[in-house]
C-alpha atoms as a PDB file:
ATOM      1  CA  MET A   1       0.000   0.000   0.000  1.00  0.00           C
ATOM      2  CA  SER A   2       1.413   3.387  -0.966  1.00  0.00           C
ATOM      3  CA  MET A   3       2.082   5.886   1.786  1.00  0.00           C
ATOM      4  CA  SER A   4       1.463   9.595   1.309  1.00  0.00           C
ATOM      5  CA  THR A   5       1.890  12.583   3.568  1.00  0.00           C
ATOM      6  CA  THR A   6      -1.112  13.272   5.776  1.00  0.00           C
ATOM      7  CA  PRO A   7      -2.118  16.941   5.825  1.00  0.00           C
ATOM      8  CA  SER A   8      -1.727  18.652   9.167  1.00  0.00           C
ATOM      9  CA  THR A   9      -4.904  19.159  11.131  1.00  0.00           C
ATOM     10  CA  SER A  10      -5.670  22.809  11.783  1.00  0.00           C
ATOM     11  CA  THR A  11      -8.138  24.281  14.245  1.00  0.00           C
ATOM     12  CA  SER A  12     -10.627  27.023  13.458  1.00  0.00           C
ATOM     13  CA  ALA A  13     -10.033  30.635  14.348  1.00  0.00           C
ATOM     14  CA  SER A  14     -12.731  30.410  17.012  1.00  0.00           C
ATOM     15  CA  ALA A  15     -10.893  27.584  18.794  1.00  0.00           C
ATOM     16  CA  THR A  16      -9.127  30.012  21.128  1.00  0.00           C
ATOM     17  CA  THR A  17      -9.133  28.043  24.374  1.00  0.00           C
ATOM     18  CA  PRO A  18      -7.198  24.815  24.979  1.00  0.00           C
ATOM     19  CA  ALA A  19     -10.486  22.951  25.406  1.00  0.00           C
ATOM     20  CA  ALA A  20     -11.973  24.273  22.148  1.00  0.00           C
ATOM     21  CA  ALA A  21      -8.731  23.686  20.280  1.00  0.00           C
ATOM     22  CA  LEU A  22      -8.634  20.090  21.505  1.00  0.00           C
ATOM     23  CA  ASP A  23     -12.263  19.530  20.503  1.00  0.00           C
ATOM     24  CA  ALA A  24     -11.534  20.659  16.947  1.00  0.00           C
ATOM     25  CA  TRP A  25      -8.364  18.594  16.741  1.00  0.00           C
ATOM     26  CA  VAL A  26     -10.032  15.455  18.131  1.00  0.00           C
ATOM     27  CA  SER A  27     -12.908  15.725  15.663  1.00  0.00           C
ATOM     28  CA  ALA A  28     -10.578  15.936  12.667  1.00  0.00           C
ATOM     29  CA  ARG A  29      -8.130  13.313  13.876  1.00  0.00           C
ATOM     30  CA  ARG A  30     -10.871  10.871  14.847  1.00  0.00           C
ATOM     31  CA  GLU A  31     -12.246  11.036  11.307  1.00  0.00           C
ATOM     32  CA  GLU A  32      -8.756  10.354  10.015  1.00  0.00           C
ATOM     33  CA  ILE A  33      -8.359   7.354  12.334  1.00  0.00           C
ATOM     34  CA  GLU A  34     -11.674   5.921  11.148  1.00  0.00           C
ATOM     35  CA  ARG A  35     -10.580   6.235   7.520  1.00  0.00           C
ATOM     36  CA  VAL A  36      -7.287   4.474   8.203  1.00  0.00           C
ATOM     37  CA  LEU A  37      -8.897   1.616  10.120  1.00  0.00           C
ATOM     38  CA  ASP A  38     -11.518   1.058   7.436  1.00  0.00           C
ATOM     39  CA  ALA A  39      -9.131   1.333   4.494  1.00  0.00           C
ATOM     40  CA  ARG A  40      -6.434  -0.901   5.923  1.00  0.00           C
ATOM     41  CA  LEU A  41      -8.783  -3.726   6.920  1.00  0.00           C
ATOM     42  CA  PRO A  42     -11.062  -4.099   3.883  1.00  0.00           C
ATOM     43  CA  PRO A  43     -13.274  -7.090   3.168  1.00  0.00           C
ATOM     44  CA  PRO A  44     -10.945  -9.606   1.450  1.00  0.00           C
ATOM     45  CA  PRO A  45     -11.477  -9.941  -2.304  1.00  0.00           C
ATOM     46  CA  ASP A  46     -10.717 -13.664  -2.202  1.00  0.00           C
ATOM     47  CA  GLY A  47     -13.391 -14.610   0.323  1.00  0.00           C
ATOM     48  CA  ASP A  48     -13.646 -14.616   4.100  1.00  0.00           C
ATOM     49  CA  PRO A  49     -13.483 -18.151   5.534  1.00  0.00           C
ATOM     50  CA  GLY A  50     -15.301 -18.401   8.822  1.00  0.00           C
ATOM     51  CA  ARG A  51     -16.302 -14.710   8.566  1.00  0.00           C
ATOM     52  CA  LEU A  52     -13.002 -13.848  10.257  1.00  0.00           C
ATOM     53  CA  VAL A  53     -12.440 -10.430   8.679  1.00  0.00           C
ATOM     54  CA  GLU A  54     -16.126  -9.598   9.072  1.00  0.00           C
ATOM     55  CA  ALA A  55     -15.756 -10.256  12.800  1.00  0.00           C
ATOM     56  CA  MET A  56     -12.570  -8.171  12.963  1.00  0.00           C
ATOM     57  CA  ARG A  57     -14.256  -5.257  11.219  1.00  0.00           C
ATOM     58  CA  TYR A  58     -17.376  -5.631  13.381  1.00  0.00           C
ATOM     59  CA  SER A  59     -15.400  -4.761  16.512  1.00  0.00           C
ATOM     60  CA  LEU A  60     -12.714  -2.514  15.048  1.00  0.00           C
ATOM     61  CA  LEU A  61     -15.132  -0.215  13.229  1.00  0.00           C
ATOM     62  CA  ALA A  62     -17.720  -0.040  16.023  1.00  0.00           C
ATOM     63  CA  LEU A  63     -18.256   3.450  17.391  1.00  0.00           C
ATOM     64  CA  GLY A  64     -15.499   4.249  19.893  1.00  0.00           C
ATOM     65  CA  LYS A  65     -13.640   7.236  21.313  1.00  0.00           C
ATOM     66  CA  ARG A  66     -10.275   6.190  19.781  1.00  0.00           C
ATOM     67  CA  LEU A  67      -8.519   7.718  22.775  1.00  0.00           C
ATOM     68  CA  ARG A  68      -5.357   5.620  22.521  1.00  0.00           C
ATOM     69  CA  PRO A  69      -4.527   6.447  18.893  1.00  0.00           C
ATOM     70  CA  LEU A  70      -5.461  10.069  19.580  1.00  0.00           C
ATOM     71  CA  LEU A  71      -2.898  10.189  22.374  1.00  0.00           C
ATOM     72  CA  ALA A  72      -0.339   8.496  20.128  1.00  0.00           C
ATOM     73  CA  LEU A  73      -0.918  11.104  17.416  1.00  0.00           C
ATOM     74  CA  ALA A  74      -0.688  13.933  19.936  1.00  0.00           C
ATOM     75  CA  ALA A  75       2.614  12.517  21.190  1.00  0.00           C
ATOM     76  CA  ALA A  76       3.953  12.250  17.636  1.00  0.00           C
ATOM     77  CA  GLU A  77       2.973  15.842  16.929  1.00  0.00           C
ATOM     78  CA  THR A  78       5.182  17.049  19.788  1.00  0.00           C
ATOM     79  CA  GLN A  79       8.135  16.219  17.525  1.00  0.00           C
ATOM     80  CA  MET A  80       6.874  17.795  14.299  1.00  0.00           C
ATOM     81  CA  ASN A  81       7.478  21.509  14.908  1.00  0.00           C
ATOM     82  CA  GLY A  82       4.222  22.220  13.106  1.00  0.00           C
ATOM     83  CA  ALA A  83       4.948  19.974  10.129  1.00  0.00           C
ATOM     84  CA  PRO A  84       2.302  17.464   8.990  1.00  0.00           C
ATOM     85  CA  LEU A  85       2.480  13.870  10.127  1.00  0.00           C
ATOM     86  CA  ASP A  86       3.636  11.415   7.497  1.00  0.00           C
ATOM     87  CA  SER A  87       1.015   8.761   6.848  1.00  0.00           C
ATOM     88  CA  ASN A  88       3.425   6.067   8.053  1.00  0.00           C
ATOM     89  CA  VAL A  89       3.398   7.749  11.471  1.00  0.00           C
ATOM     90  CA  VAL A  90      -0.402   7.880  11.412  1.00  0.00           C
ATOM     91  CA  VAL A  91      -0.620   4.157  10.610  1.00  0.00           C
ATOM     92  CA  ALA A  92       1.757   3.330  13.468  1.00  0.00           C
ATOM     93  CA  CYS A  93      -0.324   5.398  15.876  1.00  0.00           C
ATOM     94  CA  CYS A  94      -3.490   3.626  14.733  1.00  0.00           C
ATOM     95  CA  ALA A  95      -1.947   0.217  15.436  1.00  0.00           C
ATOM     96  CA  VAL A  96      -2.597   0.630  19.155  1.00  0.00           C
ATOM     97  CA  GLU A  97      -6.354   0.671  18.460  1.00  0.00           C
ATOM     98  CA  LEU A  98      -6.107  -2.824  16.974  1.00  0.00           C
ATOM     99  CA  VAL A  99      -4.650  -4.073  20.241  1.00  0.00           C
ATOM    100  CA  HIS A 100      -7.260  -2.246  22.281  1.00  0.00           C
ATOM    101  CA  CYS A 101     -10.093  -3.761  20.214  1.00  0.00           C
ATOM    102  CA  TYR A 102      -8.565  -7.229  20.509  1.00  0.00           C
ATOM    103  CA  SER A 103      -8.551  -6.799  24.275  1.00  0.00           C
ATOM    104  CA  LEU A 104     -12.218  -5.790  24.322  1.00  0.00           C
ATOM    105  CA  ILE A 105     -13.227  -8.838  22.272  1.00  0.00           C
ATOM    106  CA  HIS A 106     -11.374 -11.185  24.598  1.00  0.00           C
ATOM    107  CA  ASP A 107     -12.478  -9.371  27.777  1.00  0.00           C
ATOM    108  CA  ASP A 108     -16.118  -9.892  26.808  1.00  0.00           C
ATOM    109  CA  LEU A 109     -15.775 -13.673  26.425  1.00  0.00           C
ATOM    110  CA  PRO A 110     -17.639 -15.925  28.912  1.00  0.00           C
ATOM    111  CA  ALA A 111     -14.326 -17.170  30.311  1.00  0.00           C
ATOM    112  CA  MET A 112     -13.223 -13.598  31.054  1.00  0.00           C
ATOM    113  CA  ASP A 113     -15.615 -10.763  32.006  1.00  0.00           C
ATOM    114  CA  ASP A 114     -18.653 -12.389  30.325  1.00  0.00           C
ATOM    115  CA  ASP A 115     -20.274  -9.288  28.824  1.00  0.00           C
ATOM    116  CA  ASP A 116     -22.990  -9.607  26.191  1.00  0.00           C
ATOM    117  CA  PHE A 117     -22.840  -6.022  24.919  1.00  0.00           C
ATOM    118  CA  ARG A 118     -20.055  -3.697  23.839  1.00  0.00           C
ATOM    119  CA  ARG A 119     -20.378  -0.173  22.443  1.00  0.00           C
ATOM    120  CA  GLY A 120     -24.147  -0.386  22.329  1.00  0.00           C
ATOM    121  CA  ARG A 121     -24.512  -3.652  20.439  1.00  0.00           C
ATOM    122  CA  PRO A 122     -23.900  -7.375  20.963  1.00  0.00           C
ATOM    123  CA  SER A 123     -20.355  -8.365  21.872  1.00  0.00           C
ATOM    124  CA  ASN A 124     -18.328 -10.097  19.186  1.00  0.00           C
ATOM    125  CA  HIS A 125     -18.932 -13.580  20.541  1.00  0.00           C
ATOM    126  CA  LYS A 126     -22.683 -12.897  20.604  1.00  0.00           C
ATOM    127  CA  ALA A 127     -22.768 -11.487  17.078  1.00  0.00           C
ATOM    128  CA  PHE A 128     -20.663 -14.391  15.768  1.00  0.00           C
ATOM    129  CA  ASP A 129     -19.575 -17.175  18.168  1.00  0.00           C
ATOM    130  CA  GLU A 130     -16.886 -17.717  20.779  1.00  0.00           C
ATOM    131  CA  ALA A 131     -14.390 -19.400  18.470  1.00  0.00           C
ATOM    132  CA  THR A 132     -14.688 -16.680  15.842  1.00  0.00           C
ATOM    133  CA  ALA A 133     -14.336 -13.985  18.499  1.00  0.00           C
ATOM    134  CA  ILE A 134     -11.137 -15.550  19.821  1.00  0.00           C
ATOM    135  CA  LEU A 135      -9.701 -15.748  16.316  1.00  0.00           C
ATOM    136  CA  ALA A 136     -10.766 -12.188  15.488  1.00  0.00           C
ATOM    137  CA  GLY A 137      -8.977 -10.922  18.598  1.00  0.00           C
ATOM    138  CA  ASP A 138      -5.873 -12.947  17.770  1.00  0.00           C
ATOM    139  CA  ALA A 139      -5.865 -11.574  14.231  1.00  0.00           C
ATOM    140  CA  LEU A 140      -6.232  -7.956  15.363  1.00  0.00           C
ATOM    141  CA  LEU A 141      -3.355  -8.331  17.813  1.00  0.00           C
ATOM    142  CA  THR A 142      -0.976  -9.709  15.194  1.00  0.00           C
ATOM    143  CA  LEU A 143      -2.162  -7.235  12.551  1.00  0.00           C
ATOM    144  CA  ALA A 144      -1.034  -4.359  14.783  1.00  0.00           C
ATOM    145  CA  PHE A 145       2.568  -5.506  14.514  1.00  0.00           C
ATOM    146  CA  GLU A 146       2.205  -6.038  10.761  1.00  0.00           C
ATOM    147  CA  TRP A 147       1.101  -2.416  10.425  1.00  0.00           C
ATOM    148  CA  LEU A 148       4.076  -1.228  12.454  1.00  0.00           C
ATOM    149  CA  ALA A 149       6.498  -3.289  10.389  1.00  0.00           C
ATOM    150  CA  GLU A 150       5.044  -2.105   7.076  1.00  0.00           C
ATOM    151  CA  ALA A 151       5.009   1.524   8.163  1.00  0.00           C
ATOM    152  CA  GLY A 152       8.595   1.371   9.412  1.00  0.00           C
ATOM    153  CA  THR A 153       9.793  -0.109   6.127  1.00  0.00           C
ATOM    154  CA  ALA A 154       7.887   2.477   4.085  1.00  0.00           C
ATOM    155  CA  ALA A 155       9.193   5.319   6.237  1.00  0.00           C
ATOM    156  CA  GLY A 156      12.792   4.160   5.910  1.00  0.00           C
ATOM    157  CA  ARG A 157      13.260   4.431   9.677  1.00  0.00           C
ATOM    158  CA  PRO A 158      12.991   0.836  10.866  1.00  0.00           C
ATOM    159  CA  ALA A 159      14.729   1.451  14.205  1.00  0.00           C
ATOM    160  CA  ALA A 160      12.148   4.013  15.335  1.00  0.00           C
ATOM    161  CA  PHE A 161       9.241   1.760  14.390  1.00  0.00           C
ATOM    162  CA  LEU A 162      10.945  -1.238  15.994  1.00  0.00           C
ATOM    163  CA  ALA A 163      11.083   0.777  19.214  1.00  0.00           C
ATOM    164  CA  ALA A 164       7.374   1.429  18.827  1.00  0.00           C
ATOM    165  CA  ALA A 165       6.727  -2.288  18.373  1.00  0.00           C
ATOM    166  CA  GLY A 166       8.693  -2.993  21.541  1.00  0.00           C
ATOM    167  CA  ALA A 167       6.618  -0.459  23.478  1.00  0.00           C
ATOM    168  CA  LEU A 168       3.396  -1.994  22.202  1.00  0.00           C
ATOM    169  CA  SER A 169       4.452  -5.548  23.041  1.00  0.00           C
ATOM    170  CA  ARG A 170       5.448  -4.527  26.574  1.00  0.00           C
ATOM    171  CA  GLY A 171       2.228  -2.603  27.142  1.00  0.00           C
ATOM    172  CA  ALA A 172      -0.008  -5.369  25.828  1.00  0.00           C
ATOM    173  CA  GLY A 173       1.799  -8.426  27.117  1.00  0.00           C
ATOM    174  CA  ALA A 174       2.710 -10.460  30.162  1.00  0.00           C
ATOM    175  CA  ARG A 175       4.157  -7.469  32.023  1.00  0.00           C
ATOM    176  CA  GLY A 176       1.319  -5.136  31.078  1.00  0.00           C
ATOM    177  CA  MET A 177      -2.323  -5.444  30.033  1.00  0.00           C
ATOM    178  CA  VAL A 178      -2.483  -9.260  29.985  1.00  0.00           C
ATOM    179  CA  ARG A 179      -0.833  -9.412  33.408  1.00  0.00           C
ATOM    180  CA  GLY A 180      -3.473  -7.008  34.698  1.00  0.00           C
ATOM    181  CA  GLN A 181      -6.259  -9.139  33.287  1.00  0.00           C
ATOM    182  CA  ALA A 182      -4.785 -12.217  34.953  1.00  0.00           C
ATOM    183  CA  ARG A 183      -4.551 -10.325  38.241  1.00  0.00           C
ATOM    184  CA  ASP A 184      -8.157  -9.172  37.926  1.00  0.00           C
ATOM    185  CA  LEU A 185      -9.414 -12.694  37.218  1.00  0.00           C
ATOM    186  CA  ARG A 186      -7.480 -14.639  39.832  1.00  0.00           C
ATOM    187  CA  GLU A 187      -6.395 -12.315  42.659  1.00  0.00           C
ATOM    188  CA  PRO A 188      -8.594 -11.121  45.543  1.00  0.00           C
ATOM    189  CA  THR A 189     -10.491  -7.847  45.198  1.00  0.00           C
ATOM    190  CA  PRO A 190      -8.033  -5.016  45.981  1.00  0.00           C
ATOM    191  CA  ALA A 191      -8.155  -4.318  49.691  1.00  0.00           C
ATOM    192  CA  ASP A 192      -6.418  -0.940  49.541  1.00  0.00           C
ATOM    193  CA  LEU A 193      -5.765   1.851  47.069  1.00  0.00           C
ATOM    194  CA  ALA A 194      -2.171   0.824  46.384  1.00  0.00           C
ATOM    195  CA  THR A 195      -3.265  -2.662  45.298  1.00  0.00           C
ATOM    196  CA  LEU A 196      -6.061  -1.174  43.191  1.00  0.00           C
ATOM    197  CA  GLU A 197      -3.597   1.146  41.462  1.00  0.00           C
ATOM    198  CA  LEU A 198      -1.280  -1.767  40.727  1.00  0.00           C
ATOM    199  CA  LEU A 199      -4.180  -3.423  38.916  1.00  0.00           C
ATOM    200  CA  HIS A 200      -4.986  -0.216  37.041  1.00  0.00           C
ATOM    201  CA  ALA A 201      -1.340   0.313  36.111  1.00  0.00           C
ATOM    202  CA  GLU A 202      -1.187  -3.087  34.445  1.00  0.00           C
ATOM    203  CA  LYS A 203      -4.640  -3.584  33.004  1.00  0.00           C
ATOM    204  CA  THR A 204      -5.247  -0.031  31.758  1.00  0.00           C
ATOM    205  CA  ALA A 205      -2.266   2.288  32.059  1.00  0.00           C
ATOM    206  CA  ALA A 206       0.260  -0.002  30.363  1.00  0.00           C
ATOM    207  CA  LEU A 207      -1.472   0.402  27.003  1.00  0.00           C
ATOM    208  CA  PHE A 208      -1.833   4.166  27.459  1.00  0.00           C
ATOM    209  CA  ARG A 209       1.880   4.365  28.147  1.00  0.00           C
ATOM    210  CA  ALA A 210       2.519   2.296  25.021  1.00  0.00           C
ATOM    211  CA  ALA A 211       0.333   4.635  22.975  1.00  0.00           C
ATOM    212  CA  VAL A 212       2.337   7.767  23.794  1.00  0.00           C
ATOM    213  CA  GLU A 213       5.613   5.853  23.521  1.00  0.00           C
ATOM    214  CA  ILE A 214       4.615   4.722  20.031  1.00  0.00           C
ATOM    215  CA  GLY A 215       3.804   8.279  18.998  1.00  0.00           C
ATOM    216  CA  GLY A 216       7.003   9.632  20.488  1.00  0.00           C
ATOM    217  CA  ALA A 217       9.181   6.916  18.963  1.00  0.00           C
ATOM    218  CA  VAL A 218       7.862   7.179  15.412  1.00  0.00           C
ATOM    219  CA  GLY A 219       7.838  10.961  15.701  1.00  0.00           C
ATOM    220  CA  GLY A 220      11.565  10.905  16.498  1.00  0.00           C
ATOM    221  CA  ALA A 221      11.572  11.919  20.162  1.00  0.00           C
ATOM    222  CA  PRO A 222      14.917  11.844  21.997  1.00  0.00           C
ATOM    223  CA  GLU A 223      15.299   9.495  24.953  1.00  0.00           C
ATOM    224  CA  THR A 224      14.657  12.197  27.563  1.00  0.00           C
ATOM    225  CA  GLU A 225      11.349  13.108  25.968  1.00  0.00           C
ATOM    226  CA  LEU A 226      10.379   9.474  25.472  1.00  0.00           C
ATOM    227  CA  ALA A 227      10.875   8.977  29.207  1.00  0.00           C
ATOM    228  CA  ALA A 228       8.707  12.024  29.914  1.00  0.00           C
ATOM    229  CA  LEU A 229       5.977  10.698  27.634  1.00  0.00           C
ATOM    230  CA  ALA A 230       6.135   7.293  29.323  1.00  0.00           C
ATOM    231  CA  GLY A 231       5.737   8.871  32.757  1.00  0.00           C
ATOM    232  CA  PHE A 232       2.795  10.879  31.494  1.00  0.00           C
ATOM    233  CA  GLY A 233       1.168   7.782  29.984  1.00  0.00           C
ATOM    234  CA  GLU A 234       1.458   5.760  33.179  1.00  0.00           C
ATOM    235  CA  ARG A 235      -0.133   8.424  35.334  1.00  0.00           C
ATOM    236  CA  PHE A 236      -2.752   9.322  32.764  1.00  0.00           C
ATOM    237  CA  GLY A 237      -3.757   5.668  32.523  1.00  0.00           C
ATOM    238  CA  VAL A 238      -4.233   5.154  36.268  1.00  0.00           C
ATOM    239  CA  ALA A 239      -6.090   8.476  36.533  1.00  0.00           C
ATOM    240  CA  PHE A 240      -8.278   7.459  33.584  1.00  0.00           C
ATOM    241  CA  GLN A 241      -9.258   4.228  35.318  1.00  0.00           C
ATOM    242  CA  HIS A 242     -10.005   5.996  38.581  1.00  0.00           C
ATOM    243  CA  ALA A 243     -12.299   8.370  36.657  1.00  0.00           C
ATOM    244  CA  ASP A 244     -13.956   5.409  34.948  1.00  0.00           C
ATOM    245  CA  ASP A 245     -14.446   3.606  38.269  1.00  0.00           C
ATOM    246  CA  LEU A 246     -15.990   6.701  39.823  1.00  0.00           C
ATOM    247  CA  ASP A 247     -18.402   7.051  36.901  1.00  0.00           C
ATOM    248  CA  ASP A 248     -19.416   3.398  37.129  1.00  0.00           C
ATOM    249  CA  ALA A 249     -19.386   3.192  40.946  1.00  0.00           C
ATOM    250  CA  ASP A 250     -16.797   0.402  40.784  1.00  0.00           C
ATOM    251  CA  HIS A 251     -14.608  -0.253  43.852  1.00  0.00           C
ATOM    252  CA  PRO A 252     -16.857   1.956  46.029  1.00  0.00           C
ATOM    253  CA  ALA A 253     -14.802   1.281  49.152  1.00  0.00           C
ATOM    254  CA  HIS A 254     -11.952   3.237  47.571  1.00  0.00           C
ATOM    255  CA  ALA A 255     -14.039   5.988  45.957  1.00  0.00           C
ATOM    256  CA  GLU A 256     -13.061   8.834  48.284  1.00  0.00           C
ATOM    257  CA  ALA A 257      -9.352   8.019  48.113  1.00  0.00           C
ATOM    258  CA  ALA A 258      -9.556   7.458  44.339  1.00  0.00           C
ATOM    259  CA  ARG A 259     -11.120  10.877  43.822  1.00  0.00           C
ATOM    260  CA  ALA A 260      -8.234  12.542  45.652  1.00  0.00           C
ATOM    261  CA  ARG A 261      -5.690  10.429  43.785  1.00  0.00           C
ATOM    262  CA  LEU A 262      -7.304  11.340  40.467  1.00  0.00           C
ATOM    263  CA  GLU A 263      -6.459  14.993  41.026  1.00  0.00           C
ATOM    264  CA  ALA A 264      -2.921  14.184  42.161  1.00  0.00           C
ATOM    265  CA  LEU A 265      -2.262  11.855  39.226  1.00  0.00           C
ATOM    266  CA  VAL A 266      -3.448  14.415  36.685  1.00  0.00           C
ATOM    267  CA  ALA A 267      -1.119  16.984  38.204  1.00  0.00           C
ATOM    268  CA  GLU A 268       1.752  14.481  38.079  1.00  0.00           C
ATOM    269  CA  ALA A 269       0.974  13.581  34.478  1.00  0.00           C
ATOM    270  CA  VAL A 270       1.079  17.236  33.435  1.00  0.00           C
ATOM    271  CA  ARG A 271       4.357  17.790  35.318  1.00  0.00           C
ATOM    272  CA  PHE A 272       5.955  14.914  33.431  1.00  0.00           C
ATOM    273  CA  LEU A 273       5.377  16.862  30.219  1.00  0.00           C
ATOM    274  CA  ALA A 274       7.525  19.785  31.371  1.00  0.00           C
ATOM    275  CA  PRO A 275      10.545  18.838  29.186  1.00  0.00           C
ATOM    276  CA  LEU A 276       8.349  19.168  26.097  1.00  0.00           C
ATOM    277  CA  GLY A 277       7.016  22.593  27.008  1.00  0.00           C
ATOM    278  CA  ALA A 278       4.191  24.053  24.945  1.00  0.00           C
ATOM    279  CA  ARG A 279       4.530  21.238  22.390  1.00  0.00           C
ATOM    280  CA  ALA A 280       2.742  18.945  24.834  1.00  0.00           C
ATOM    281  CA  GLU A 281      -0.185  21.240  25.606  1.00  0.00           C
ATOM    282  CA  ARG A 282      -2.591  18.947  23.767  1.00  0.00           C
ATOM    283  CA  LEU A 283      -1.562  15.979  25.911  1.00  0.00           C
ATOM    284  CA  ALA A 284      -1.856  18.105  29.044  1.00  0.00           C
ATOM    285  CA  GLU A 285      -5.406  19.092  28.082  1.00  0.00           C
ATOM    286  CA  PHE A 286      -6.318  15.428  27.603  1.00  0.00           C
ATOM    287  CA  ALA A 287      -5.191  14.838  31.194  1.00  0.00           C
ATOM    288  CA  ARG A 288      -7.007  17.849  32.615  1.00  0.00           C
ATOM    289  CA  ARG A 289     -10.238  16.616  31.058  1.00  0.00           C
ATOM    290  CA  LEU A 290     -10.214  13.626  33.385  1.00  0.00           C
ATOM    291  CA  LEU A 291     -11.139  16.020  36.183  1.00  0.00           C
ATOM    292  CA  LYS A 292     -14.209  17.402  34.447  1.00  0.00           C
ATOM    293  CA  ARG A 293     -17.134  15.597  36.022  1.00  0.00           C
ATOM    294  CA  PRO A 294     -19.457  14.051  34.998  1.00  0.00           C
ATOM    295  CA  THR A 295     -17.885  13.681  31.554  1.00  0.00           C
ATOM    296  CA  ALA A 296     -14.943  11.448  32.420  1.00  0.00           C
ATOM    297  CA  PRO A 297     -14.373   8.912  29.631  1.00  0.00           C
ATOM    298  CA  THR A 298     -15.388   5.293  29.693  1.00  0.00           C
ATOM    299  CA  ASN A 299     -12.963   2.470  29.099  1.00  0.00           C
ATOM    300  CA  ASP A 300     -14.027   2.072  25.481  1.00  0.00           C
END
């Protein structure tokens, strides 16, 4: 597939506040993400045995906030000095959404969280069947790394995209999201806030950290700024899950402490961005939005 330069996303003249500017940017970038996801996972011309690709598209193209690729794109833009993002960078940033959607498919399975609905319609295993849902999740996970490899080759910067692949594998794997899922399934309910935050750090924040690391790596960030982005991603992710828990009344025994920690974590996340200065204002605004009740995001 040919790769072309993606035009930079501008905000309107009326978008004078950070919140309004972010709204305009999110709207444009989300449309771009949807186009990439749809175009790069088309119905196969040679048939679709077992309806595998249909099941992949069913979950991937379902209405979602696309927060993880948005954060990845925002992180990449911190390195652009106003220049447009190359489409290879955009594809790499979108790869994290494939992993997120795989995780949702598998989380909904009867052996895991056993949820019948996702994003307002039947879960993948209800729309198809359990075996197809497992295979669709497996295929989305592996496709993410295919996209990273293809984009790195096309960009002529394989080392940067290899670093992004490493970040994604760490965030999604046995030391990150999958570890958190295993902890959630088999360990006792967290008895204190520290144990709850360990769960959130693995199950949720690890993939948020990976998202901003991917964007930073493929954008060309130096090591010091990659470390700053990683610190931001970790704290943003735990704060995000606290906000989600408060919205859903999950872990009510820790609600008061979680509310206080939410404010502290957002402040820490913003401080981590200090080495990037004004270039990271968009990421900082994403973090500040976690404090705006009752509109904290859901884990979709």
